[in-house]
Amino acid sequence: MKLQFEWKLMGFFIFLLLLFLVTQGYLIYSFEKPFLFASLLSFPIVLFLAFLLLKIVTQPFRDLVDKLRRLTGGQVKKEGQVYSGDELTRLARGIGDLEINFRNRIEEITTEKDYLQTILKGMAEGVLVVNNRGHIIMINEALRKLFSLSMEVVDKTPLEIIRNVELEAAIRKTIRDRKSSSFELTLPTSLGKIFEVNVVGILPSLEGSRKTSKEMRGAVAVFHDIGRLKELEKIRQDFVANVSHELRTPLTTIKGYAETLLEGALKEEVAFQFVQVIKRQSDRLAKIVDDLLTLSKIEMKEFQLKMEPLSLPELVEDVLNFIQETAEKKKISISSEIPSPLMVKGDRDYLEQILINLIDNAIKYGREGGKITVSAIQKNQSEIEVSVQDNGIGIPREDLPRIFERFYRVDKGRSQEMGGTGLGLSIVKHLVQVHGGRTWAESQLGEGSTFYFTLPAYRK
């Protein structure tokens, strides 16, 4: 292209020279004019023709300069250079302006892309983007972790990597009908994950909107992991059902005996027994409410412990003295195997409640004439492990993971006969957790159970 322009310019000058000579010669020989007069007369003629030809030759440059001016949008960054006013200089200036404009646009696009990548990387929700053919353009890191994707997914279909027909259909429908959709997606795997998926379309560009096609340019699917929410919802429903059941039983008893008394049994000998039953069931109701309030108090953010150094042997000894009478009724012996210098850091009142709940639980489910042992060892410099062991009826293996849940009972009938609220072990778990410890249990059915919890060791 450079050579073509140079040849045109050379031809232009040769043509002008020949035109000048021809005009000059014509005036000299045809009109017998002097050489100087012929030359002076030929010059303006040739100059006029040169102007017309030069305008034709430079027309593409002027068109190019106009196009460059439209491309840059008038946003010209001054570089401090001095230009003359001819077309070639304006062309060079236009190309320089175009370069600056394009550089700025590229920087803006790169910055926006970096922002988008950072946002997608920081999202906990999985994001999947497809084009108008339903092929994957990109996914974020969260989606890879949620679905354990290790392979390359670009240009594949969602059906190939997630294998869910409903998801594929929702994406296709969004692209085709321009309508957003939302649905729950349950993975048919051992993980049992549940997602809420929102699918929205990517609007066509201005150029694409002029076309007759009504399809979207693509779609974005956002995956919210709602498995934990579903689990919490189930726990809430179970809790409401258990509370209703626990409250209904004593209330039904109280109502039945009260109606009997009102119907004329007040003057009979059984009236006193009926009143005792009503009081006993009222006490049970009050205990359930008290335990629920204790749990609610522990779970509040404002809940605080009065942490202080405590001698664990002395603490256990005080608890055993308090609960000894209850143990003697079932002829159960309780012993303490805790080294004397063992010191813990905790709230005395709540640590006593933990030990009372565990030992009382061991007495209730222990055999008559049985044995309970409270022991402790220092696991390391910062943690002490305490255990309460009995030789009672034991707990089935399948029930062990759930025994610290609220109102969970291994043997519902026997538990109600013993007057428990079903909240004792749950209170133990929460109190240990706020102390920074852990709880767990081991058991052999028919041989007894051992409940463990850890406490922070006191270091001087």
Protein backbone atom coordinates (compact mmCIF):
# COMPACT_ATOMS: atom_id res chain seq x y z
CA MET A 1 0.00 0.00 0.00
CA LYS A 2 2.95 2.31 0.75
CA LEU A 3 4.49 1.68 -2.69
CA GLN A 4 1.18 2.30 -4.47
CA PHE A 5 0.85 5.71 -2.82
CA GLU A 6 4.44 6.64 -3.73
CA TRP A 7 3.92 5.65 -7.37
CA LYS A 8 0.75 7.71 -7.50
CA LEU A 9 2.60 10.74 -6.13
CA MET A 10 5.47 10.29 -8.60
CA GLY A 11 3.04 9.92 -11.49
CA PHE A 12 1.22 13.04 -10.30
CA PHE A 13 4.39 15.16 -10.41
CA ILE A 14 5.48 13.76 -13.78
CA PHE A 15 2.05 14.50 -15.19
CA LEU A 16 2.19 18.09 -13.91
CA LEU A 17 5.67 18.56 -15.42
CA LEU A 18 4.57 17.20 -18.78
CA LEU A 19 1.42 19.32 -18.67
CA PHE A 20 3.50 22.43 -17.97
CA LEU A 21 5.88 21.68 -20.86
CA VAL A 22 3.05 20.87 -23.26
CA THR A 23 1.16 24.08 -22.38
CA GLN A 24 4.32 26.14 -22.63
CA GLY A 25 5.25 24.64 -26.01
CA TYR A 26 1.72 25.09 -27.35
CA LEU A 27 1.74 28.81 -26.46
CA ILE A 28 5.21 29.36 -28.00
CA TYR A 29 4.67 27.56 -31.32
CA SER A 30 0.96 28.15 -31.89
CA PHE A 31 0.69 31.76 -30.74
CA GLU A 32 4.38 32.67 -31.18
CA LYS A 33 4.60 34.01 -27.67
CA PRO A 34 7.96 34.70 -25.95
CA PHE A 35 9.35 31.92 -23.70
CA LEU A 36 8.98 33.92 -20.47
CA PHE A 37 5.40 34.97 -21.23
CA ALA A 38 4.45 31.41 -22.17
CA SER A 39 5.97 30.10 -18.94
CA LEU A 40 4.16 32.67 -16.79
CA LEU A 41 0.84 31.93 -18.51
CA SER A 42 1.28 28.12 -18.27
CA PHE A 43 2.00 28.19 -14.55
CA PRO A 44 -1.52 29.26 -13.28
CA ILE A 45 -3.16 26.85 -15.72
CA VAL A 46 -1.06 23.97 -14.44
CA LEU A 47 -1.51 25.14 -10.83
CA PHE A 48 -5.31 25.08 -11.21
CA LEU A 49 -5.25 21.60 -12.72
CA ALA A 50 -2.79 20.46 -9.97
CA PHE A 51 -5.21 21.68 -7.29
CA LEU A 52 -8.06 19.68 -8.80
CA LEU A 53 -5.94 16.55 -9.15
CA LEU A 54 -4.47 16.90 -5.65
CA LYS A 55 -7.97 17.19 -4.19
CA ILE A 56 -8.90 13.93 -5.88
CA VAL A 57 -5.70 12.20 -4.67
CA THR A 58 -6.06 13.40 -1.02
CA GLN A 59 -9.80 12.69 -0.75
CA PRO A 60 -9.20 9.22 0.87
CA PHE A 61 -7.01 10.90 3.52
CA ARG A 62 -9.73 13.40 4.38
CA ASP A 63 -12.29 10.61 4.62
CA LEU A 64 -9.94 8.63 6.89
CA VAL A 65 -9.37 11.63 9.16
CA ASP A 66 -13.15 12.14 9.48
CA LYS A 67 -13.63 8.48 10.39
CA LEU A 68 -10.86 8.63 12.99
CA ARG A 69 -12.44 11.74 14.50
CA ARG A 70 -15.77 9.93 14.80
CA LEU A 71 -14.07 6.87 16.37
CA THR A 72 -12.29 8.89 19.05
CA GLY A 73 -15.56 10.63 19.89
CA GLY A 74 -13.84 13.95 20.24
CA GLN A 75 -12.09 12.75 23.47
CA VAL A 76 -8.54 13.62 22.50
CA LYS A 77 -5.72 13.36 25.00
CA LYS A 78 -3.18 16.10 24.37
CA GLU A 79 0.40 14.86 24.16
CA GLY A 80 2.02 18.31 23.89
CA GLN A 81 3.04 17.87 20.23
CA VAL A 82 2.79 20.64 17.60
CA TYR A 83 1.09 19.74 14.32
CA SER A 84 0.71 21.57 11.05
CA GLY A 85 -2.68 21.75 9.38
CA ASP A 86 -2.33 19.47 6.36
CA GLU A 87 -4.22 16.22 5.80
CA LEU A 88 -1.30 13.88 6.46
CA THR A 89 -0.54 15.58 9.77
CA ARG A 90 -4.19 15.42 10.78
CA LEU A 91 -4.17 11.76 9.80
CA ALA A 92 -1.17 11.09 12.04
CA ARG A 93 -2.79 13.03 14.86
CA GLY A 94 -6.06 11.11 14.40
CA ILE A 95 -4.25 7.77 14.51
CA GLY A 96 -2.43 8.87 17.68
CA ASP A 97 -5.71 9.92 19.26
CA LEU A 98 -7.28 6.62 18.25
CA GLU A 99 -4.42 4.71 19.86
CA ILE A 100 -4.81 6.67 23.11
CA ASN A 101 -8.59 6.13 23.05
CA PHE A 102 -8.25 2.41 22.43
CA ARG A 103 -5.65 2.12 25.20
CA ASN A 104 -8.00 3.82 27.63
CA ARG A 105 -10.88 1.57 26.58
CA ILE A 106 -8.72 -1.54 27.00
CA GLU A 107 -7.67 -0.38 30.48
CA GLU A 108 -11.32 0.18 31.43
CA ILE A 109 -12.32 -3.26 30.15
CA THR A 110 -9.38 -4.90 31.96
CA THR A 111 -10.27 -3.12 35.21
CA GLU A 112 -13.93 -4.15 34.93
CA LYS A 113 -12.88 -7.73 34.21
CA ASP A 114 -10.61 -7.75 37.28
CA TYR A 115 -13.48 -6.40 39.41
CA LEU A 116 -15.79 -9.09 38.07
CA GLN A 117 -13.25 -11.86 38.71
CA THR A 118 -12.69 -10.61 42.26
CA ILE A 119 -16.43 -10.49 42.95
CA LEU A 120 -16.98 -13.99 41.56
CA LYS A 121 -14.01 -15.34 43.51
CA GLY A 122 -15.30 -13.85 46.76
CA MET A 123 -18.85 -15.20 46.36
CA ALA A 124 -19.95 -18.13 48.49
CA GLU A 125 -22.64 -18.95 45.91
CA GLY A 126 -21.78 -20.92 42.81
CA VAL A 127 -22.07 -19.07 39.48
CA LEU A 128 -22.41 -20.68 36.05
CA VAL A 129 -22.52 -18.65 32.80
CA VAL A 130 -23.58 -20.09 29.42
CA ASN A 131 -23.84 -18.62 25.92
CA ASN A 132 -26.92 -18.63 23.67
CA ARG A 133 -26.13 -22.20 22.58
CA GLY A 134 -26.25 -23.39 26.18
CA HIS A 135 -22.50 -24.03 26.38
CA ILE A 136 -20.58 -23.00 29.49
CA ILE A 137 -18.49 -19.84 29.18
CA MET A 138 -17.23 -19.71 32.76
CA ILE A 139 -17.81 -20.85 36.34
CA ASN A 140 -16.45 -19.49 39.62
CA GLU A 141 -14.35 -21.29 42.21
CA ALA A 142 -17.29 -21.70 44.61
CA LEU A 143 -19.19 -23.79 42.05
CA ARG A 144 -16.15 -26.04 41.57
CA LYS A 145 -16.05 -26.69 45.32
CA LEU A 146 -19.82 -27.19 45.67
CA PHE A 147 -19.90 -29.81 42.91
CA SER A 148 -16.31 -31.11 43.32
CA LEU A 149 -15.43 -30.25 39.72
CA SER A 150 -11.82 -30.91 38.72
CA MET A 151 -12.21 -31.16 34.94
CA GLU A 152 -12.24 -28.37 32.36
CA VAL A 153 -15.84 -27.25 31.86
CA VAL A 154 -15.61 -24.48 29.26
CA ASP A 155 -17.68 -25.21 26.10
CA LYS A 156 -19.44 -28.12 27.81
CA THR A 157 -23.16 -28.15 28.63
CA PRO A 158 -24.44 -28.01 32.24
CA LEU A 159 -25.94 -31.46 31.73
CA GLU A 160 -22.47 -32.90 31.14
CA ILE A 161 -21.00 -31.67 34.43
CA ILE A 162 -23.98 -31.56 36.83
CA ARG A 163 -26.21 -34.17 35.18
CA ASN A 164 -29.54 -32.64 36.06
CA VAL A 165 -32.25 -32.42 33.41
CA GLU A 166 -34.26 -29.78 35.31
CA LEU A 167 -31.27 -27.40 35.38
CA GLU A 168 -30.60 -27.88 31.67
CA ALA A 169 -34.26 -27.28 30.82
CA ALA A 170 -34.44 -24.14 32.99
CA ILE A 171 -31.38 -22.61 31.28
CA ARG A 172 -32.71 -23.42 27.79
CA LYS A 173 -36.10 -21.95 28.65
CA THR A 174 -34.57 -18.75 30.02
CA ILE A 175 -32.53 -18.23 26.83
CA ARG A 176 -35.49 -19.01 24.58
CA ASP A 177 -38.35 -17.27 26.42
CA ARG A 178 -36.44 -14.45 28.17
CA LYS A 179 -38.00 -15.42 31.52
CA SER A 180 -36.11 -15.88 34.77
CA SER A 181 -36.73 -19.02 36.83
CA SER A 182 -36.05 -20.33 40.33
CA PHE A 183 -36.18 -23.89 41.65
CA GLU A 184 -34.70 -26.30 44.19
CA LEU A 185 -32.02 -28.71 43.03
CA THR A 186 -31.26 -31.83 45.07
CA LEU A 187 -28.14 -33.78 44.18
CA PRO A 188 -28.74 -37.53 43.92
CA THR A 189 -25.50 -38.31 45.77
CA SER A 190 -24.42 -39.43 49.20
CA LEU A 191 -23.73 -35.76 50.04
CA GLY A 192 -27.42 -34.96 49.75
CA LYS A 193 -26.83 -31.29 49.00
CA ILE A 194 -29.80 -29.03 48.30
CA PHE A 195 -29.51 -25.85 46.24
CA GLU A 196 -31.81 -22.98 45.40
CA VAL A 197 -30.99 -22.13 41.77
CA ASN A 198 -31.84 -18.75 40.21
CA VAL A 199 -31.49 -18.53 36.42
CA VAL A 200 -31.54 -15.13 34.64
CA GLY A 201 -30.91 -14.27 31.01
CA ILE A 202 -28.14 -12.10 29.53
CA LEU A 203 -29.75 -9.35 27.47
CA PRO A 204 -28.69 -9.06 23.82
CA SER A 205 -26.41 -6.19 22.75
CA LEU A 206 -27.76 -3.12 20.91
CA GLU A 207 -26.61 -4.62 17.62
CA GLY A 208 -28.19 -7.94 18.49
CA SER A 209 -31.46 -6.28 19.52
CA ARG A 210 -31.95 -5.03 15.95
CA LYS A 211 -32.05 -8.61 14.74
CA THR A 212 -35.30 -10.54 14.53
CA SER A 213 -34.18 -13.24 17.02
CA LYS A 214 -35.79 -12.94 20.46
CA GLU A 215 -33.27 -15.19 22.23
CA MET A 216 -30.98 -14.03 25.01
CA ARG A 217 -27.22 -13.89 24.50
CA GLY A 218 -26.90 -16.44 27.27
CA ALA A 219 -27.87 -17.12 30.89
CA VAL A 220 -26.44 -16.96 34.40
CA ALA A 221 -27.31 -19.59 37.02
CA VAL A 222 -26.59 -18.84 40.69
CA PHE A 223 -26.49 -21.79 43.15
CA HIS A 224 -27.33 -21.10 46.82
CA ASP A 225 -26.50 -23.99 49.16
CA ILE A 226 -29.60 -24.24 51.37
CA GLY A 227 -28.78 -27.64 52.87
CA ARG A 228 -27.94 -26.08 56.23
CA LEU A 229 -31.14 -24.00 56.16
CA LYS A 230 -33.19 -27.13 55.46
CA GLU A 231 -31.46 -28.90 58.32
CA LEU A 232 -32.16 -26.00 60.68
CA GLU A 233 -35.77 -25.91 59.51
CA LYS A 234 -36.13 -29.61 60.33
CA ILE A 235 -34.55 -29.08 63.75
CA ARG A 236 -36.99 -26.23 64.37
CA GLN A 237 -39.96 -28.36 63.35
CA ASP A 238 -38.76 -31.26 65.52
CA PHE A 239 -38.20 -28.87 68.42
CA VAL A 240 -41.70 -27.41 68.15
CA ALA A 241 -43.18 -30.91 67.91
CA ASN A 242 -41.16 -32.14 70.93
CA VAL A 243 -42.00 -29.10 73.04
CA SER A 244 -45.67 -29.49 72.21
CA HIS A 245 -45.54 -33.16 73.17
CA GLU A 246 -43.64 -32.55 76.42
CA LEU A 247 -46.01 -29.79 77.48
CA ARG A 248 -49.17 -31.57 76.38
CA THR A 249 -48.57 -34.66 78.55
CA PRO A 250 -48.48 -32.90 81.97
CA LEU A 251 -51.14 -30.41 80.88
CA THR A 252 -53.48 -33.25 79.92
CA THR A 253 -52.87 -34.91 83.30
CA ILE A 254 -53.45 -31.66 85.21
CA LYS A 255 -56.62 -30.93 83.24
CA GLY A 256 -57.99 -34.44 83.76
CA TYR A 257 -57.45 -34.46 87.52
CA ALA A 258 -58.72 -30.88 87.89
CA GLU A 259 -61.94 -31.74 86.01
CA THR A 260 -62.40 -34.81 88.20
CA LEU A 261 -62.07 -32.70 91.33
CA LEU A 262 -64.51 -30.11 89.99
CA GLU A 263 -67.05 -32.83 89.24
CA GLY A 264 -67.33 -33.73 92.90
CA ALA A 265 -64.19 -35.57 93.96
CA LEU A 266 -63.04 -32.72 96.21
CA LYS A 267 -64.82 -34.26 99.21
CA GLU A 268 -63.61 -37.81 98.54
CA GLU A 269 -60.51 -39.45 100.03
CA VAL A 270 -58.69 -39.50 96.66
CA ALA A 271 -58.81 -35.69 96.44
CA PHE A 272 -55.47 -35.34 98.24
CA GLN A 273 -53.82 -37.82 95.88
CA PHE A 274 -55.25 -35.96 92.89
CA VAL A 275 -53.84 -32.67 94.18
CA GLN A 276 -50.43 -34.30 94.65
CA VAL A 277 -50.49 -35.50 91.02
CA ILE A 278 -51.42 -32.01 89.85
CA LYS A 279 -48.55 -30.52 91.86
CA ARG A 280 -46.10 -33.11 90.54
CA GLN A 281 -47.08 -32.42 86.94
CA SER A 282 -46.98 -28.65 87.58
CA ASP A 283 -43.45 -29.03 88.92
CA ARG A 284 -42.52 -30.93 85.80
CA LEU A 285 -43.95 -28.14 83.63
CA ALA A 286 -42.01 -25.56 85.62
CA LYS A 287 -38.80 -27.61 85.21
CA ILE A 288 -39.28 -27.83 81.44
CA VAL A 289 -39.82 -24.07 81.22
CA ASP A 290 -36.80 -23.40 83.47
CA ASP A 291 -34.58 -25.63 81.31
CA LEU A 292 -35.81 -23.96 78.13
CA LEU A 293 -35.06 -20.54 79.60
CA THR A 294 -31.59 -21.75 80.65
CA LEU A 295 -30.86 -22.92 77.10
CA SER A 296 -32.15 -19.67 75.66
CA LYS A 297 -29.99 -17.68 78.08
CA ILE A 298 -26.86 -19.69 77.18
CA GLU A 299 -27.39 -19.15 73.46
CA MET A 300 -27.77 -15.38 73.79
CA LYS A 301 -24.78 -13.30 72.65
CA GLU A 302 -24.97 -11.32 75.87
CA PHE A 303 -24.41 -14.49 77.95
CA GLN A 304 -21.24 -14.19 80.03
CA LEU A 305 -19.41 -16.49 82.41
CA LYS A 306 -17.76 -15.54 85.68
CA MET A 307 -14.47 -17.24 84.94
CA GLU A 308 -12.25 -18.00 87.94
CA PRO A 309 -9.65 -20.60 88.95
CA LEU A 310 -11.30 -23.58 90.64
CA SER A 311 -10.05 -26.72 92.33
CA LEU A 312 -11.69 -29.56 90.43
CA PRO A 313 -11.50 -32.12 93.32
CA GLU A 314 -13.24 -29.66 95.69
CA LEU A 315 -15.87 -28.80 93.06
CA VAL A 316 -16.70 -32.50 92.48
CA GLU A 317 -16.77 -33.18 96.22
CA ASP A 318 -19.37 -30.42 96.75
CA VAL A 319 -21.55 -31.82 93.95
CA LEU A 320 -21.32 -35.38 95.33
CA ASN A 321 -22.38 -34.18 98.79
CA PHE A 322 -25.37 -32.41 97.22
CA ILE A 323 -26.53 -35.43 95.18
CA GLN A 324 -25.57 -38.19 97.65
CA GLU A 325 -29.09 -38.54 99.06
CA THR A 326 -30.55 -39.17 95.60
CA ALA A 327 -27.94 -41.87 94.93
CA GLU A 328 -28.58 -43.61 98.26
CA LYS A 329 -32.23 -44.13 97.35
CA LYS A 330 -31.08 -46.51 94.60
CA LYS A 331 -28.16 -47.80 96.68
CA ILE A 332 -25.71 -46.44 94.10
CA SER A 333 -22.19 -45.64 95.23
CA ILE A 334 -20.39 -42.62 93.78
CA SER A 335 -16.61 -42.24 93.87
CA SER A 336 -14.22 -39.52 92.77
CA GLU A 337 -10.86 -40.26 91.13
CA ILE A 338 -9.41 -36.79 90.56
CA PRO A 339 -5.82 -35.77 91.39
CA SER A 340 -5.66 -33.10 94.12
CA PRO A 341 -3.72 -30.34 92.36
CA LEU A 342 -5.96 -30.32 89.27
CA MET A 343 -7.19 -26.75 88.60
CA VAL A 344 -9.70 -25.59 85.98
CA LYS A 345 -10.87 -22.19 84.80
CA GLY A 346 -14.64 -21.72 84.65
CA ASP A 347 -17.89 -20.48 86.14
CA ARG A 348 -18.49 -22.38 89.40
CA ASP A 349 -22.31 -22.34 89.26
CA TYR A 350 -22.48 -23.62 85.70
CA LEU A 351 -19.76 -26.24 86.22
CA GLU A 352 -21.77 -27.56 89.18
CA GLN A 353 -24.85 -27.72 86.94
CA ILE A 354 -22.91 -29.72 84.33
CA LEU A 355 -21.77 -32.28 86.91
CA ILE A 356 -25.20 -32.48 88.60
CA ASN A 357 -26.95 -33.10 85.26
CA LEU A 358 -24.51 -35.86 84.25
CA ILE A 359 -24.45 -37.59 87.65
CA ASP A 360 -28.24 -37.29 88.04
CA ASN A 361 -28.61 -38.81 84.56
CA ALA A 362 -26.32 -41.70 85.57
CA ILE A 363 -28.38 -42.31 88.72
CA LYS A 364 -31.69 -42.33 86.81
CA TYR A 365 -30.50 -44.87 84.25
CA GLY A 366 -28.18 -46.81 86.56
CA ARG A 367 -28.94 -50.16 88.11
CA GLU A 368 -29.93 -50.40 91.72
CA GLY A 369 -26.79 -51.08 93.74
CA GLY A 370 -24.67 -49.85 90.86
CA LYS A 371 -21.58 -47.65 90.76
CA ILE A 372 -20.74 -44.20 89.36
CA THR A 373 -17.18 -42.92 88.96
CA VAL A 374 -16.18 -39.30 88.36
CA SER A 375 -12.61 -38.98 87.08
CA ALA A 376 -10.39 -36.43 85.34
CA ILE A 377 -7.02 -36.27 83.62
CA GLN A 378 -4.95 -33.44 82.22
CA LYS A 379 -4.69 -34.01 78.46
CA ASN A 380 -2.23 -31.17 77.87
CA GLN A 381 -1.23 -27.81 79.34
CA SER A 382 -4.45 -26.13 78.25
CA GLU A 383 -7.13 -28.86 78.55
CA ILE A 384 -8.56 -31.16 81.23
CA GLU A 385 -10.82 -34.10 80.37
CA VAL A 386 -13.56 -35.01 82.86
CA SER A 387 -15.66 -38.19 82.66
CA VAL A 388 -18.73 -39.59 84.43
CA GLN A 389 -18.96 -43.39 84.15
CA ASP A 390 -21.78 -45.70 85.20
CA ASN A 391 -22.58 -49.41 84.88
CA GLY A 392 -26.21 -48.89 83.96
CA ILE A 393 -28.35 -50.00 81.04
CA GLY A 394 -26.21 -48.37 78.36
CA ILE A 395 -27.15 -46.60 75.12
CA PRO A 396 -27.59 -48.20 71.67
CA ARG A 397 -24.81 -47.25 69.24
CA GLU A 398 -27.22 -45.68 66.73
CA ASP A 399 -28.54 -43.27 69.40
CA LEU A 400 -25.16 -41.96 70.59
CA PRO A 401 -24.81 -39.17 67.96
CA ARG A 402 -28.18 -37.67 68.98
CA ILE A 403 -28.26 -37.92 72.77
CA PHE A 404 -27.21 -34.27 73.23
CA GLU A 405 -30.14 -33.00 71.13
CA ARG A 406 -33.02 -31.25 72.84
CA PHE A 407 -35.82 -33.58 73.97
CA TYR A 408 -34.12 -36.61 72.42
CA ARG A 409 -34.90 -39.75 74.38
CA VAL A 410 -33.56 -43.26 73.85
CA ASP A 411 -36.49 -44.82 75.73
CA LYS A 412 -39.34 -42.28 75.74
CA GLY A 413 -41.61 -44.24 78.08
CA ARG A 414 -38.95 -44.86 80.71
CA SER A 415 -37.66 -41.28 80.53
CA GLN A 416 -41.08 -39.82 81.26
CA GLU A 417 -41.55 -42.22 84.19
CA MET A 418 -38.28 -40.90 85.69
CA GLY A 419 -39.44 -37.31 85.42
CA GLY A 420 -36.75 -36.02 83.08
CA THR A 421 -37.35 -33.06 80.79
CA GLY A 422 -35.15 -34.31 77.93
CA LEU A 423 -33.06 -31.11 78.12
CA GLY A 424 -30.38 -32.03 80.67
CA LEU A 425 -27.74 -33.29 78.24
CA SER A 426 -28.44 -30.44 75.83
CA ILE A 427 -27.77 -27.96 78.64
CA VAL A 428 -24.54 -29.80 79.43
CA LYS A 429 -23.40 -29.56 75.81
CA HIS A 430 -24.10 -25.83 75.54
CA LEU A 431 -22.50 -24.97 78.89
CA VAL A 432 -19.35 -26.91 77.98
CA GLN A 433 -19.21 -25.17 74.60
CA VAL A 434 -19.36 -21.68 76.13
CA HIS A 435 -16.45 -22.76 78.34
CA GLY A 436 -14.55 -23.62 75.16
CA GLY A 437 -14.80 -27.39 75.61
CA ARG A 438 -16.25 -30.46 73.88
CA THR A 439 -18.74 -33.19 74.84
CA TRP A 440 -19.10 -36.78 73.70
CA ALA A 441 -20.22 -40.17 75.01
CA GLU A 442 -19.25 -43.83 74.78
CA SER A 443 -21.49 -46.74 75.68
CA GLN A 444 -21.99 -50.47 75.50
CA LEU A 445 -25.60 -51.61 75.61
CA GLY A 446 -26.21 -53.45 78.88
CA GLU A 447 -22.79 -52.55 80.32
CA GLY A 448 -23.02 -48.82 81.03
CA SER A 449 -22.07 -45.43 79.62
CA THR A 450 -19.31 -42.85 79.98
CA PHE A 451 -19.89 -39.15 79.32
CA TYR A 452 -16.87 -36.96 78.61
CA PHE A 453 -16.33 -33.22 78.53
CA THR A 454 -13.30 -30.97 78.45
CA LEU A 455 -12.55 -27.76 80.34
CA PRO A 456 -9.77 -25.17 80.04
CA ALA A 457 -6.94 -25.84 82.48
CA TYR A 458 -5.89 -23.04 84.81
CA ARG A 459 -2.32 -21.91 84.28
CA LYS A 460 -0.67 -19.59 86.76
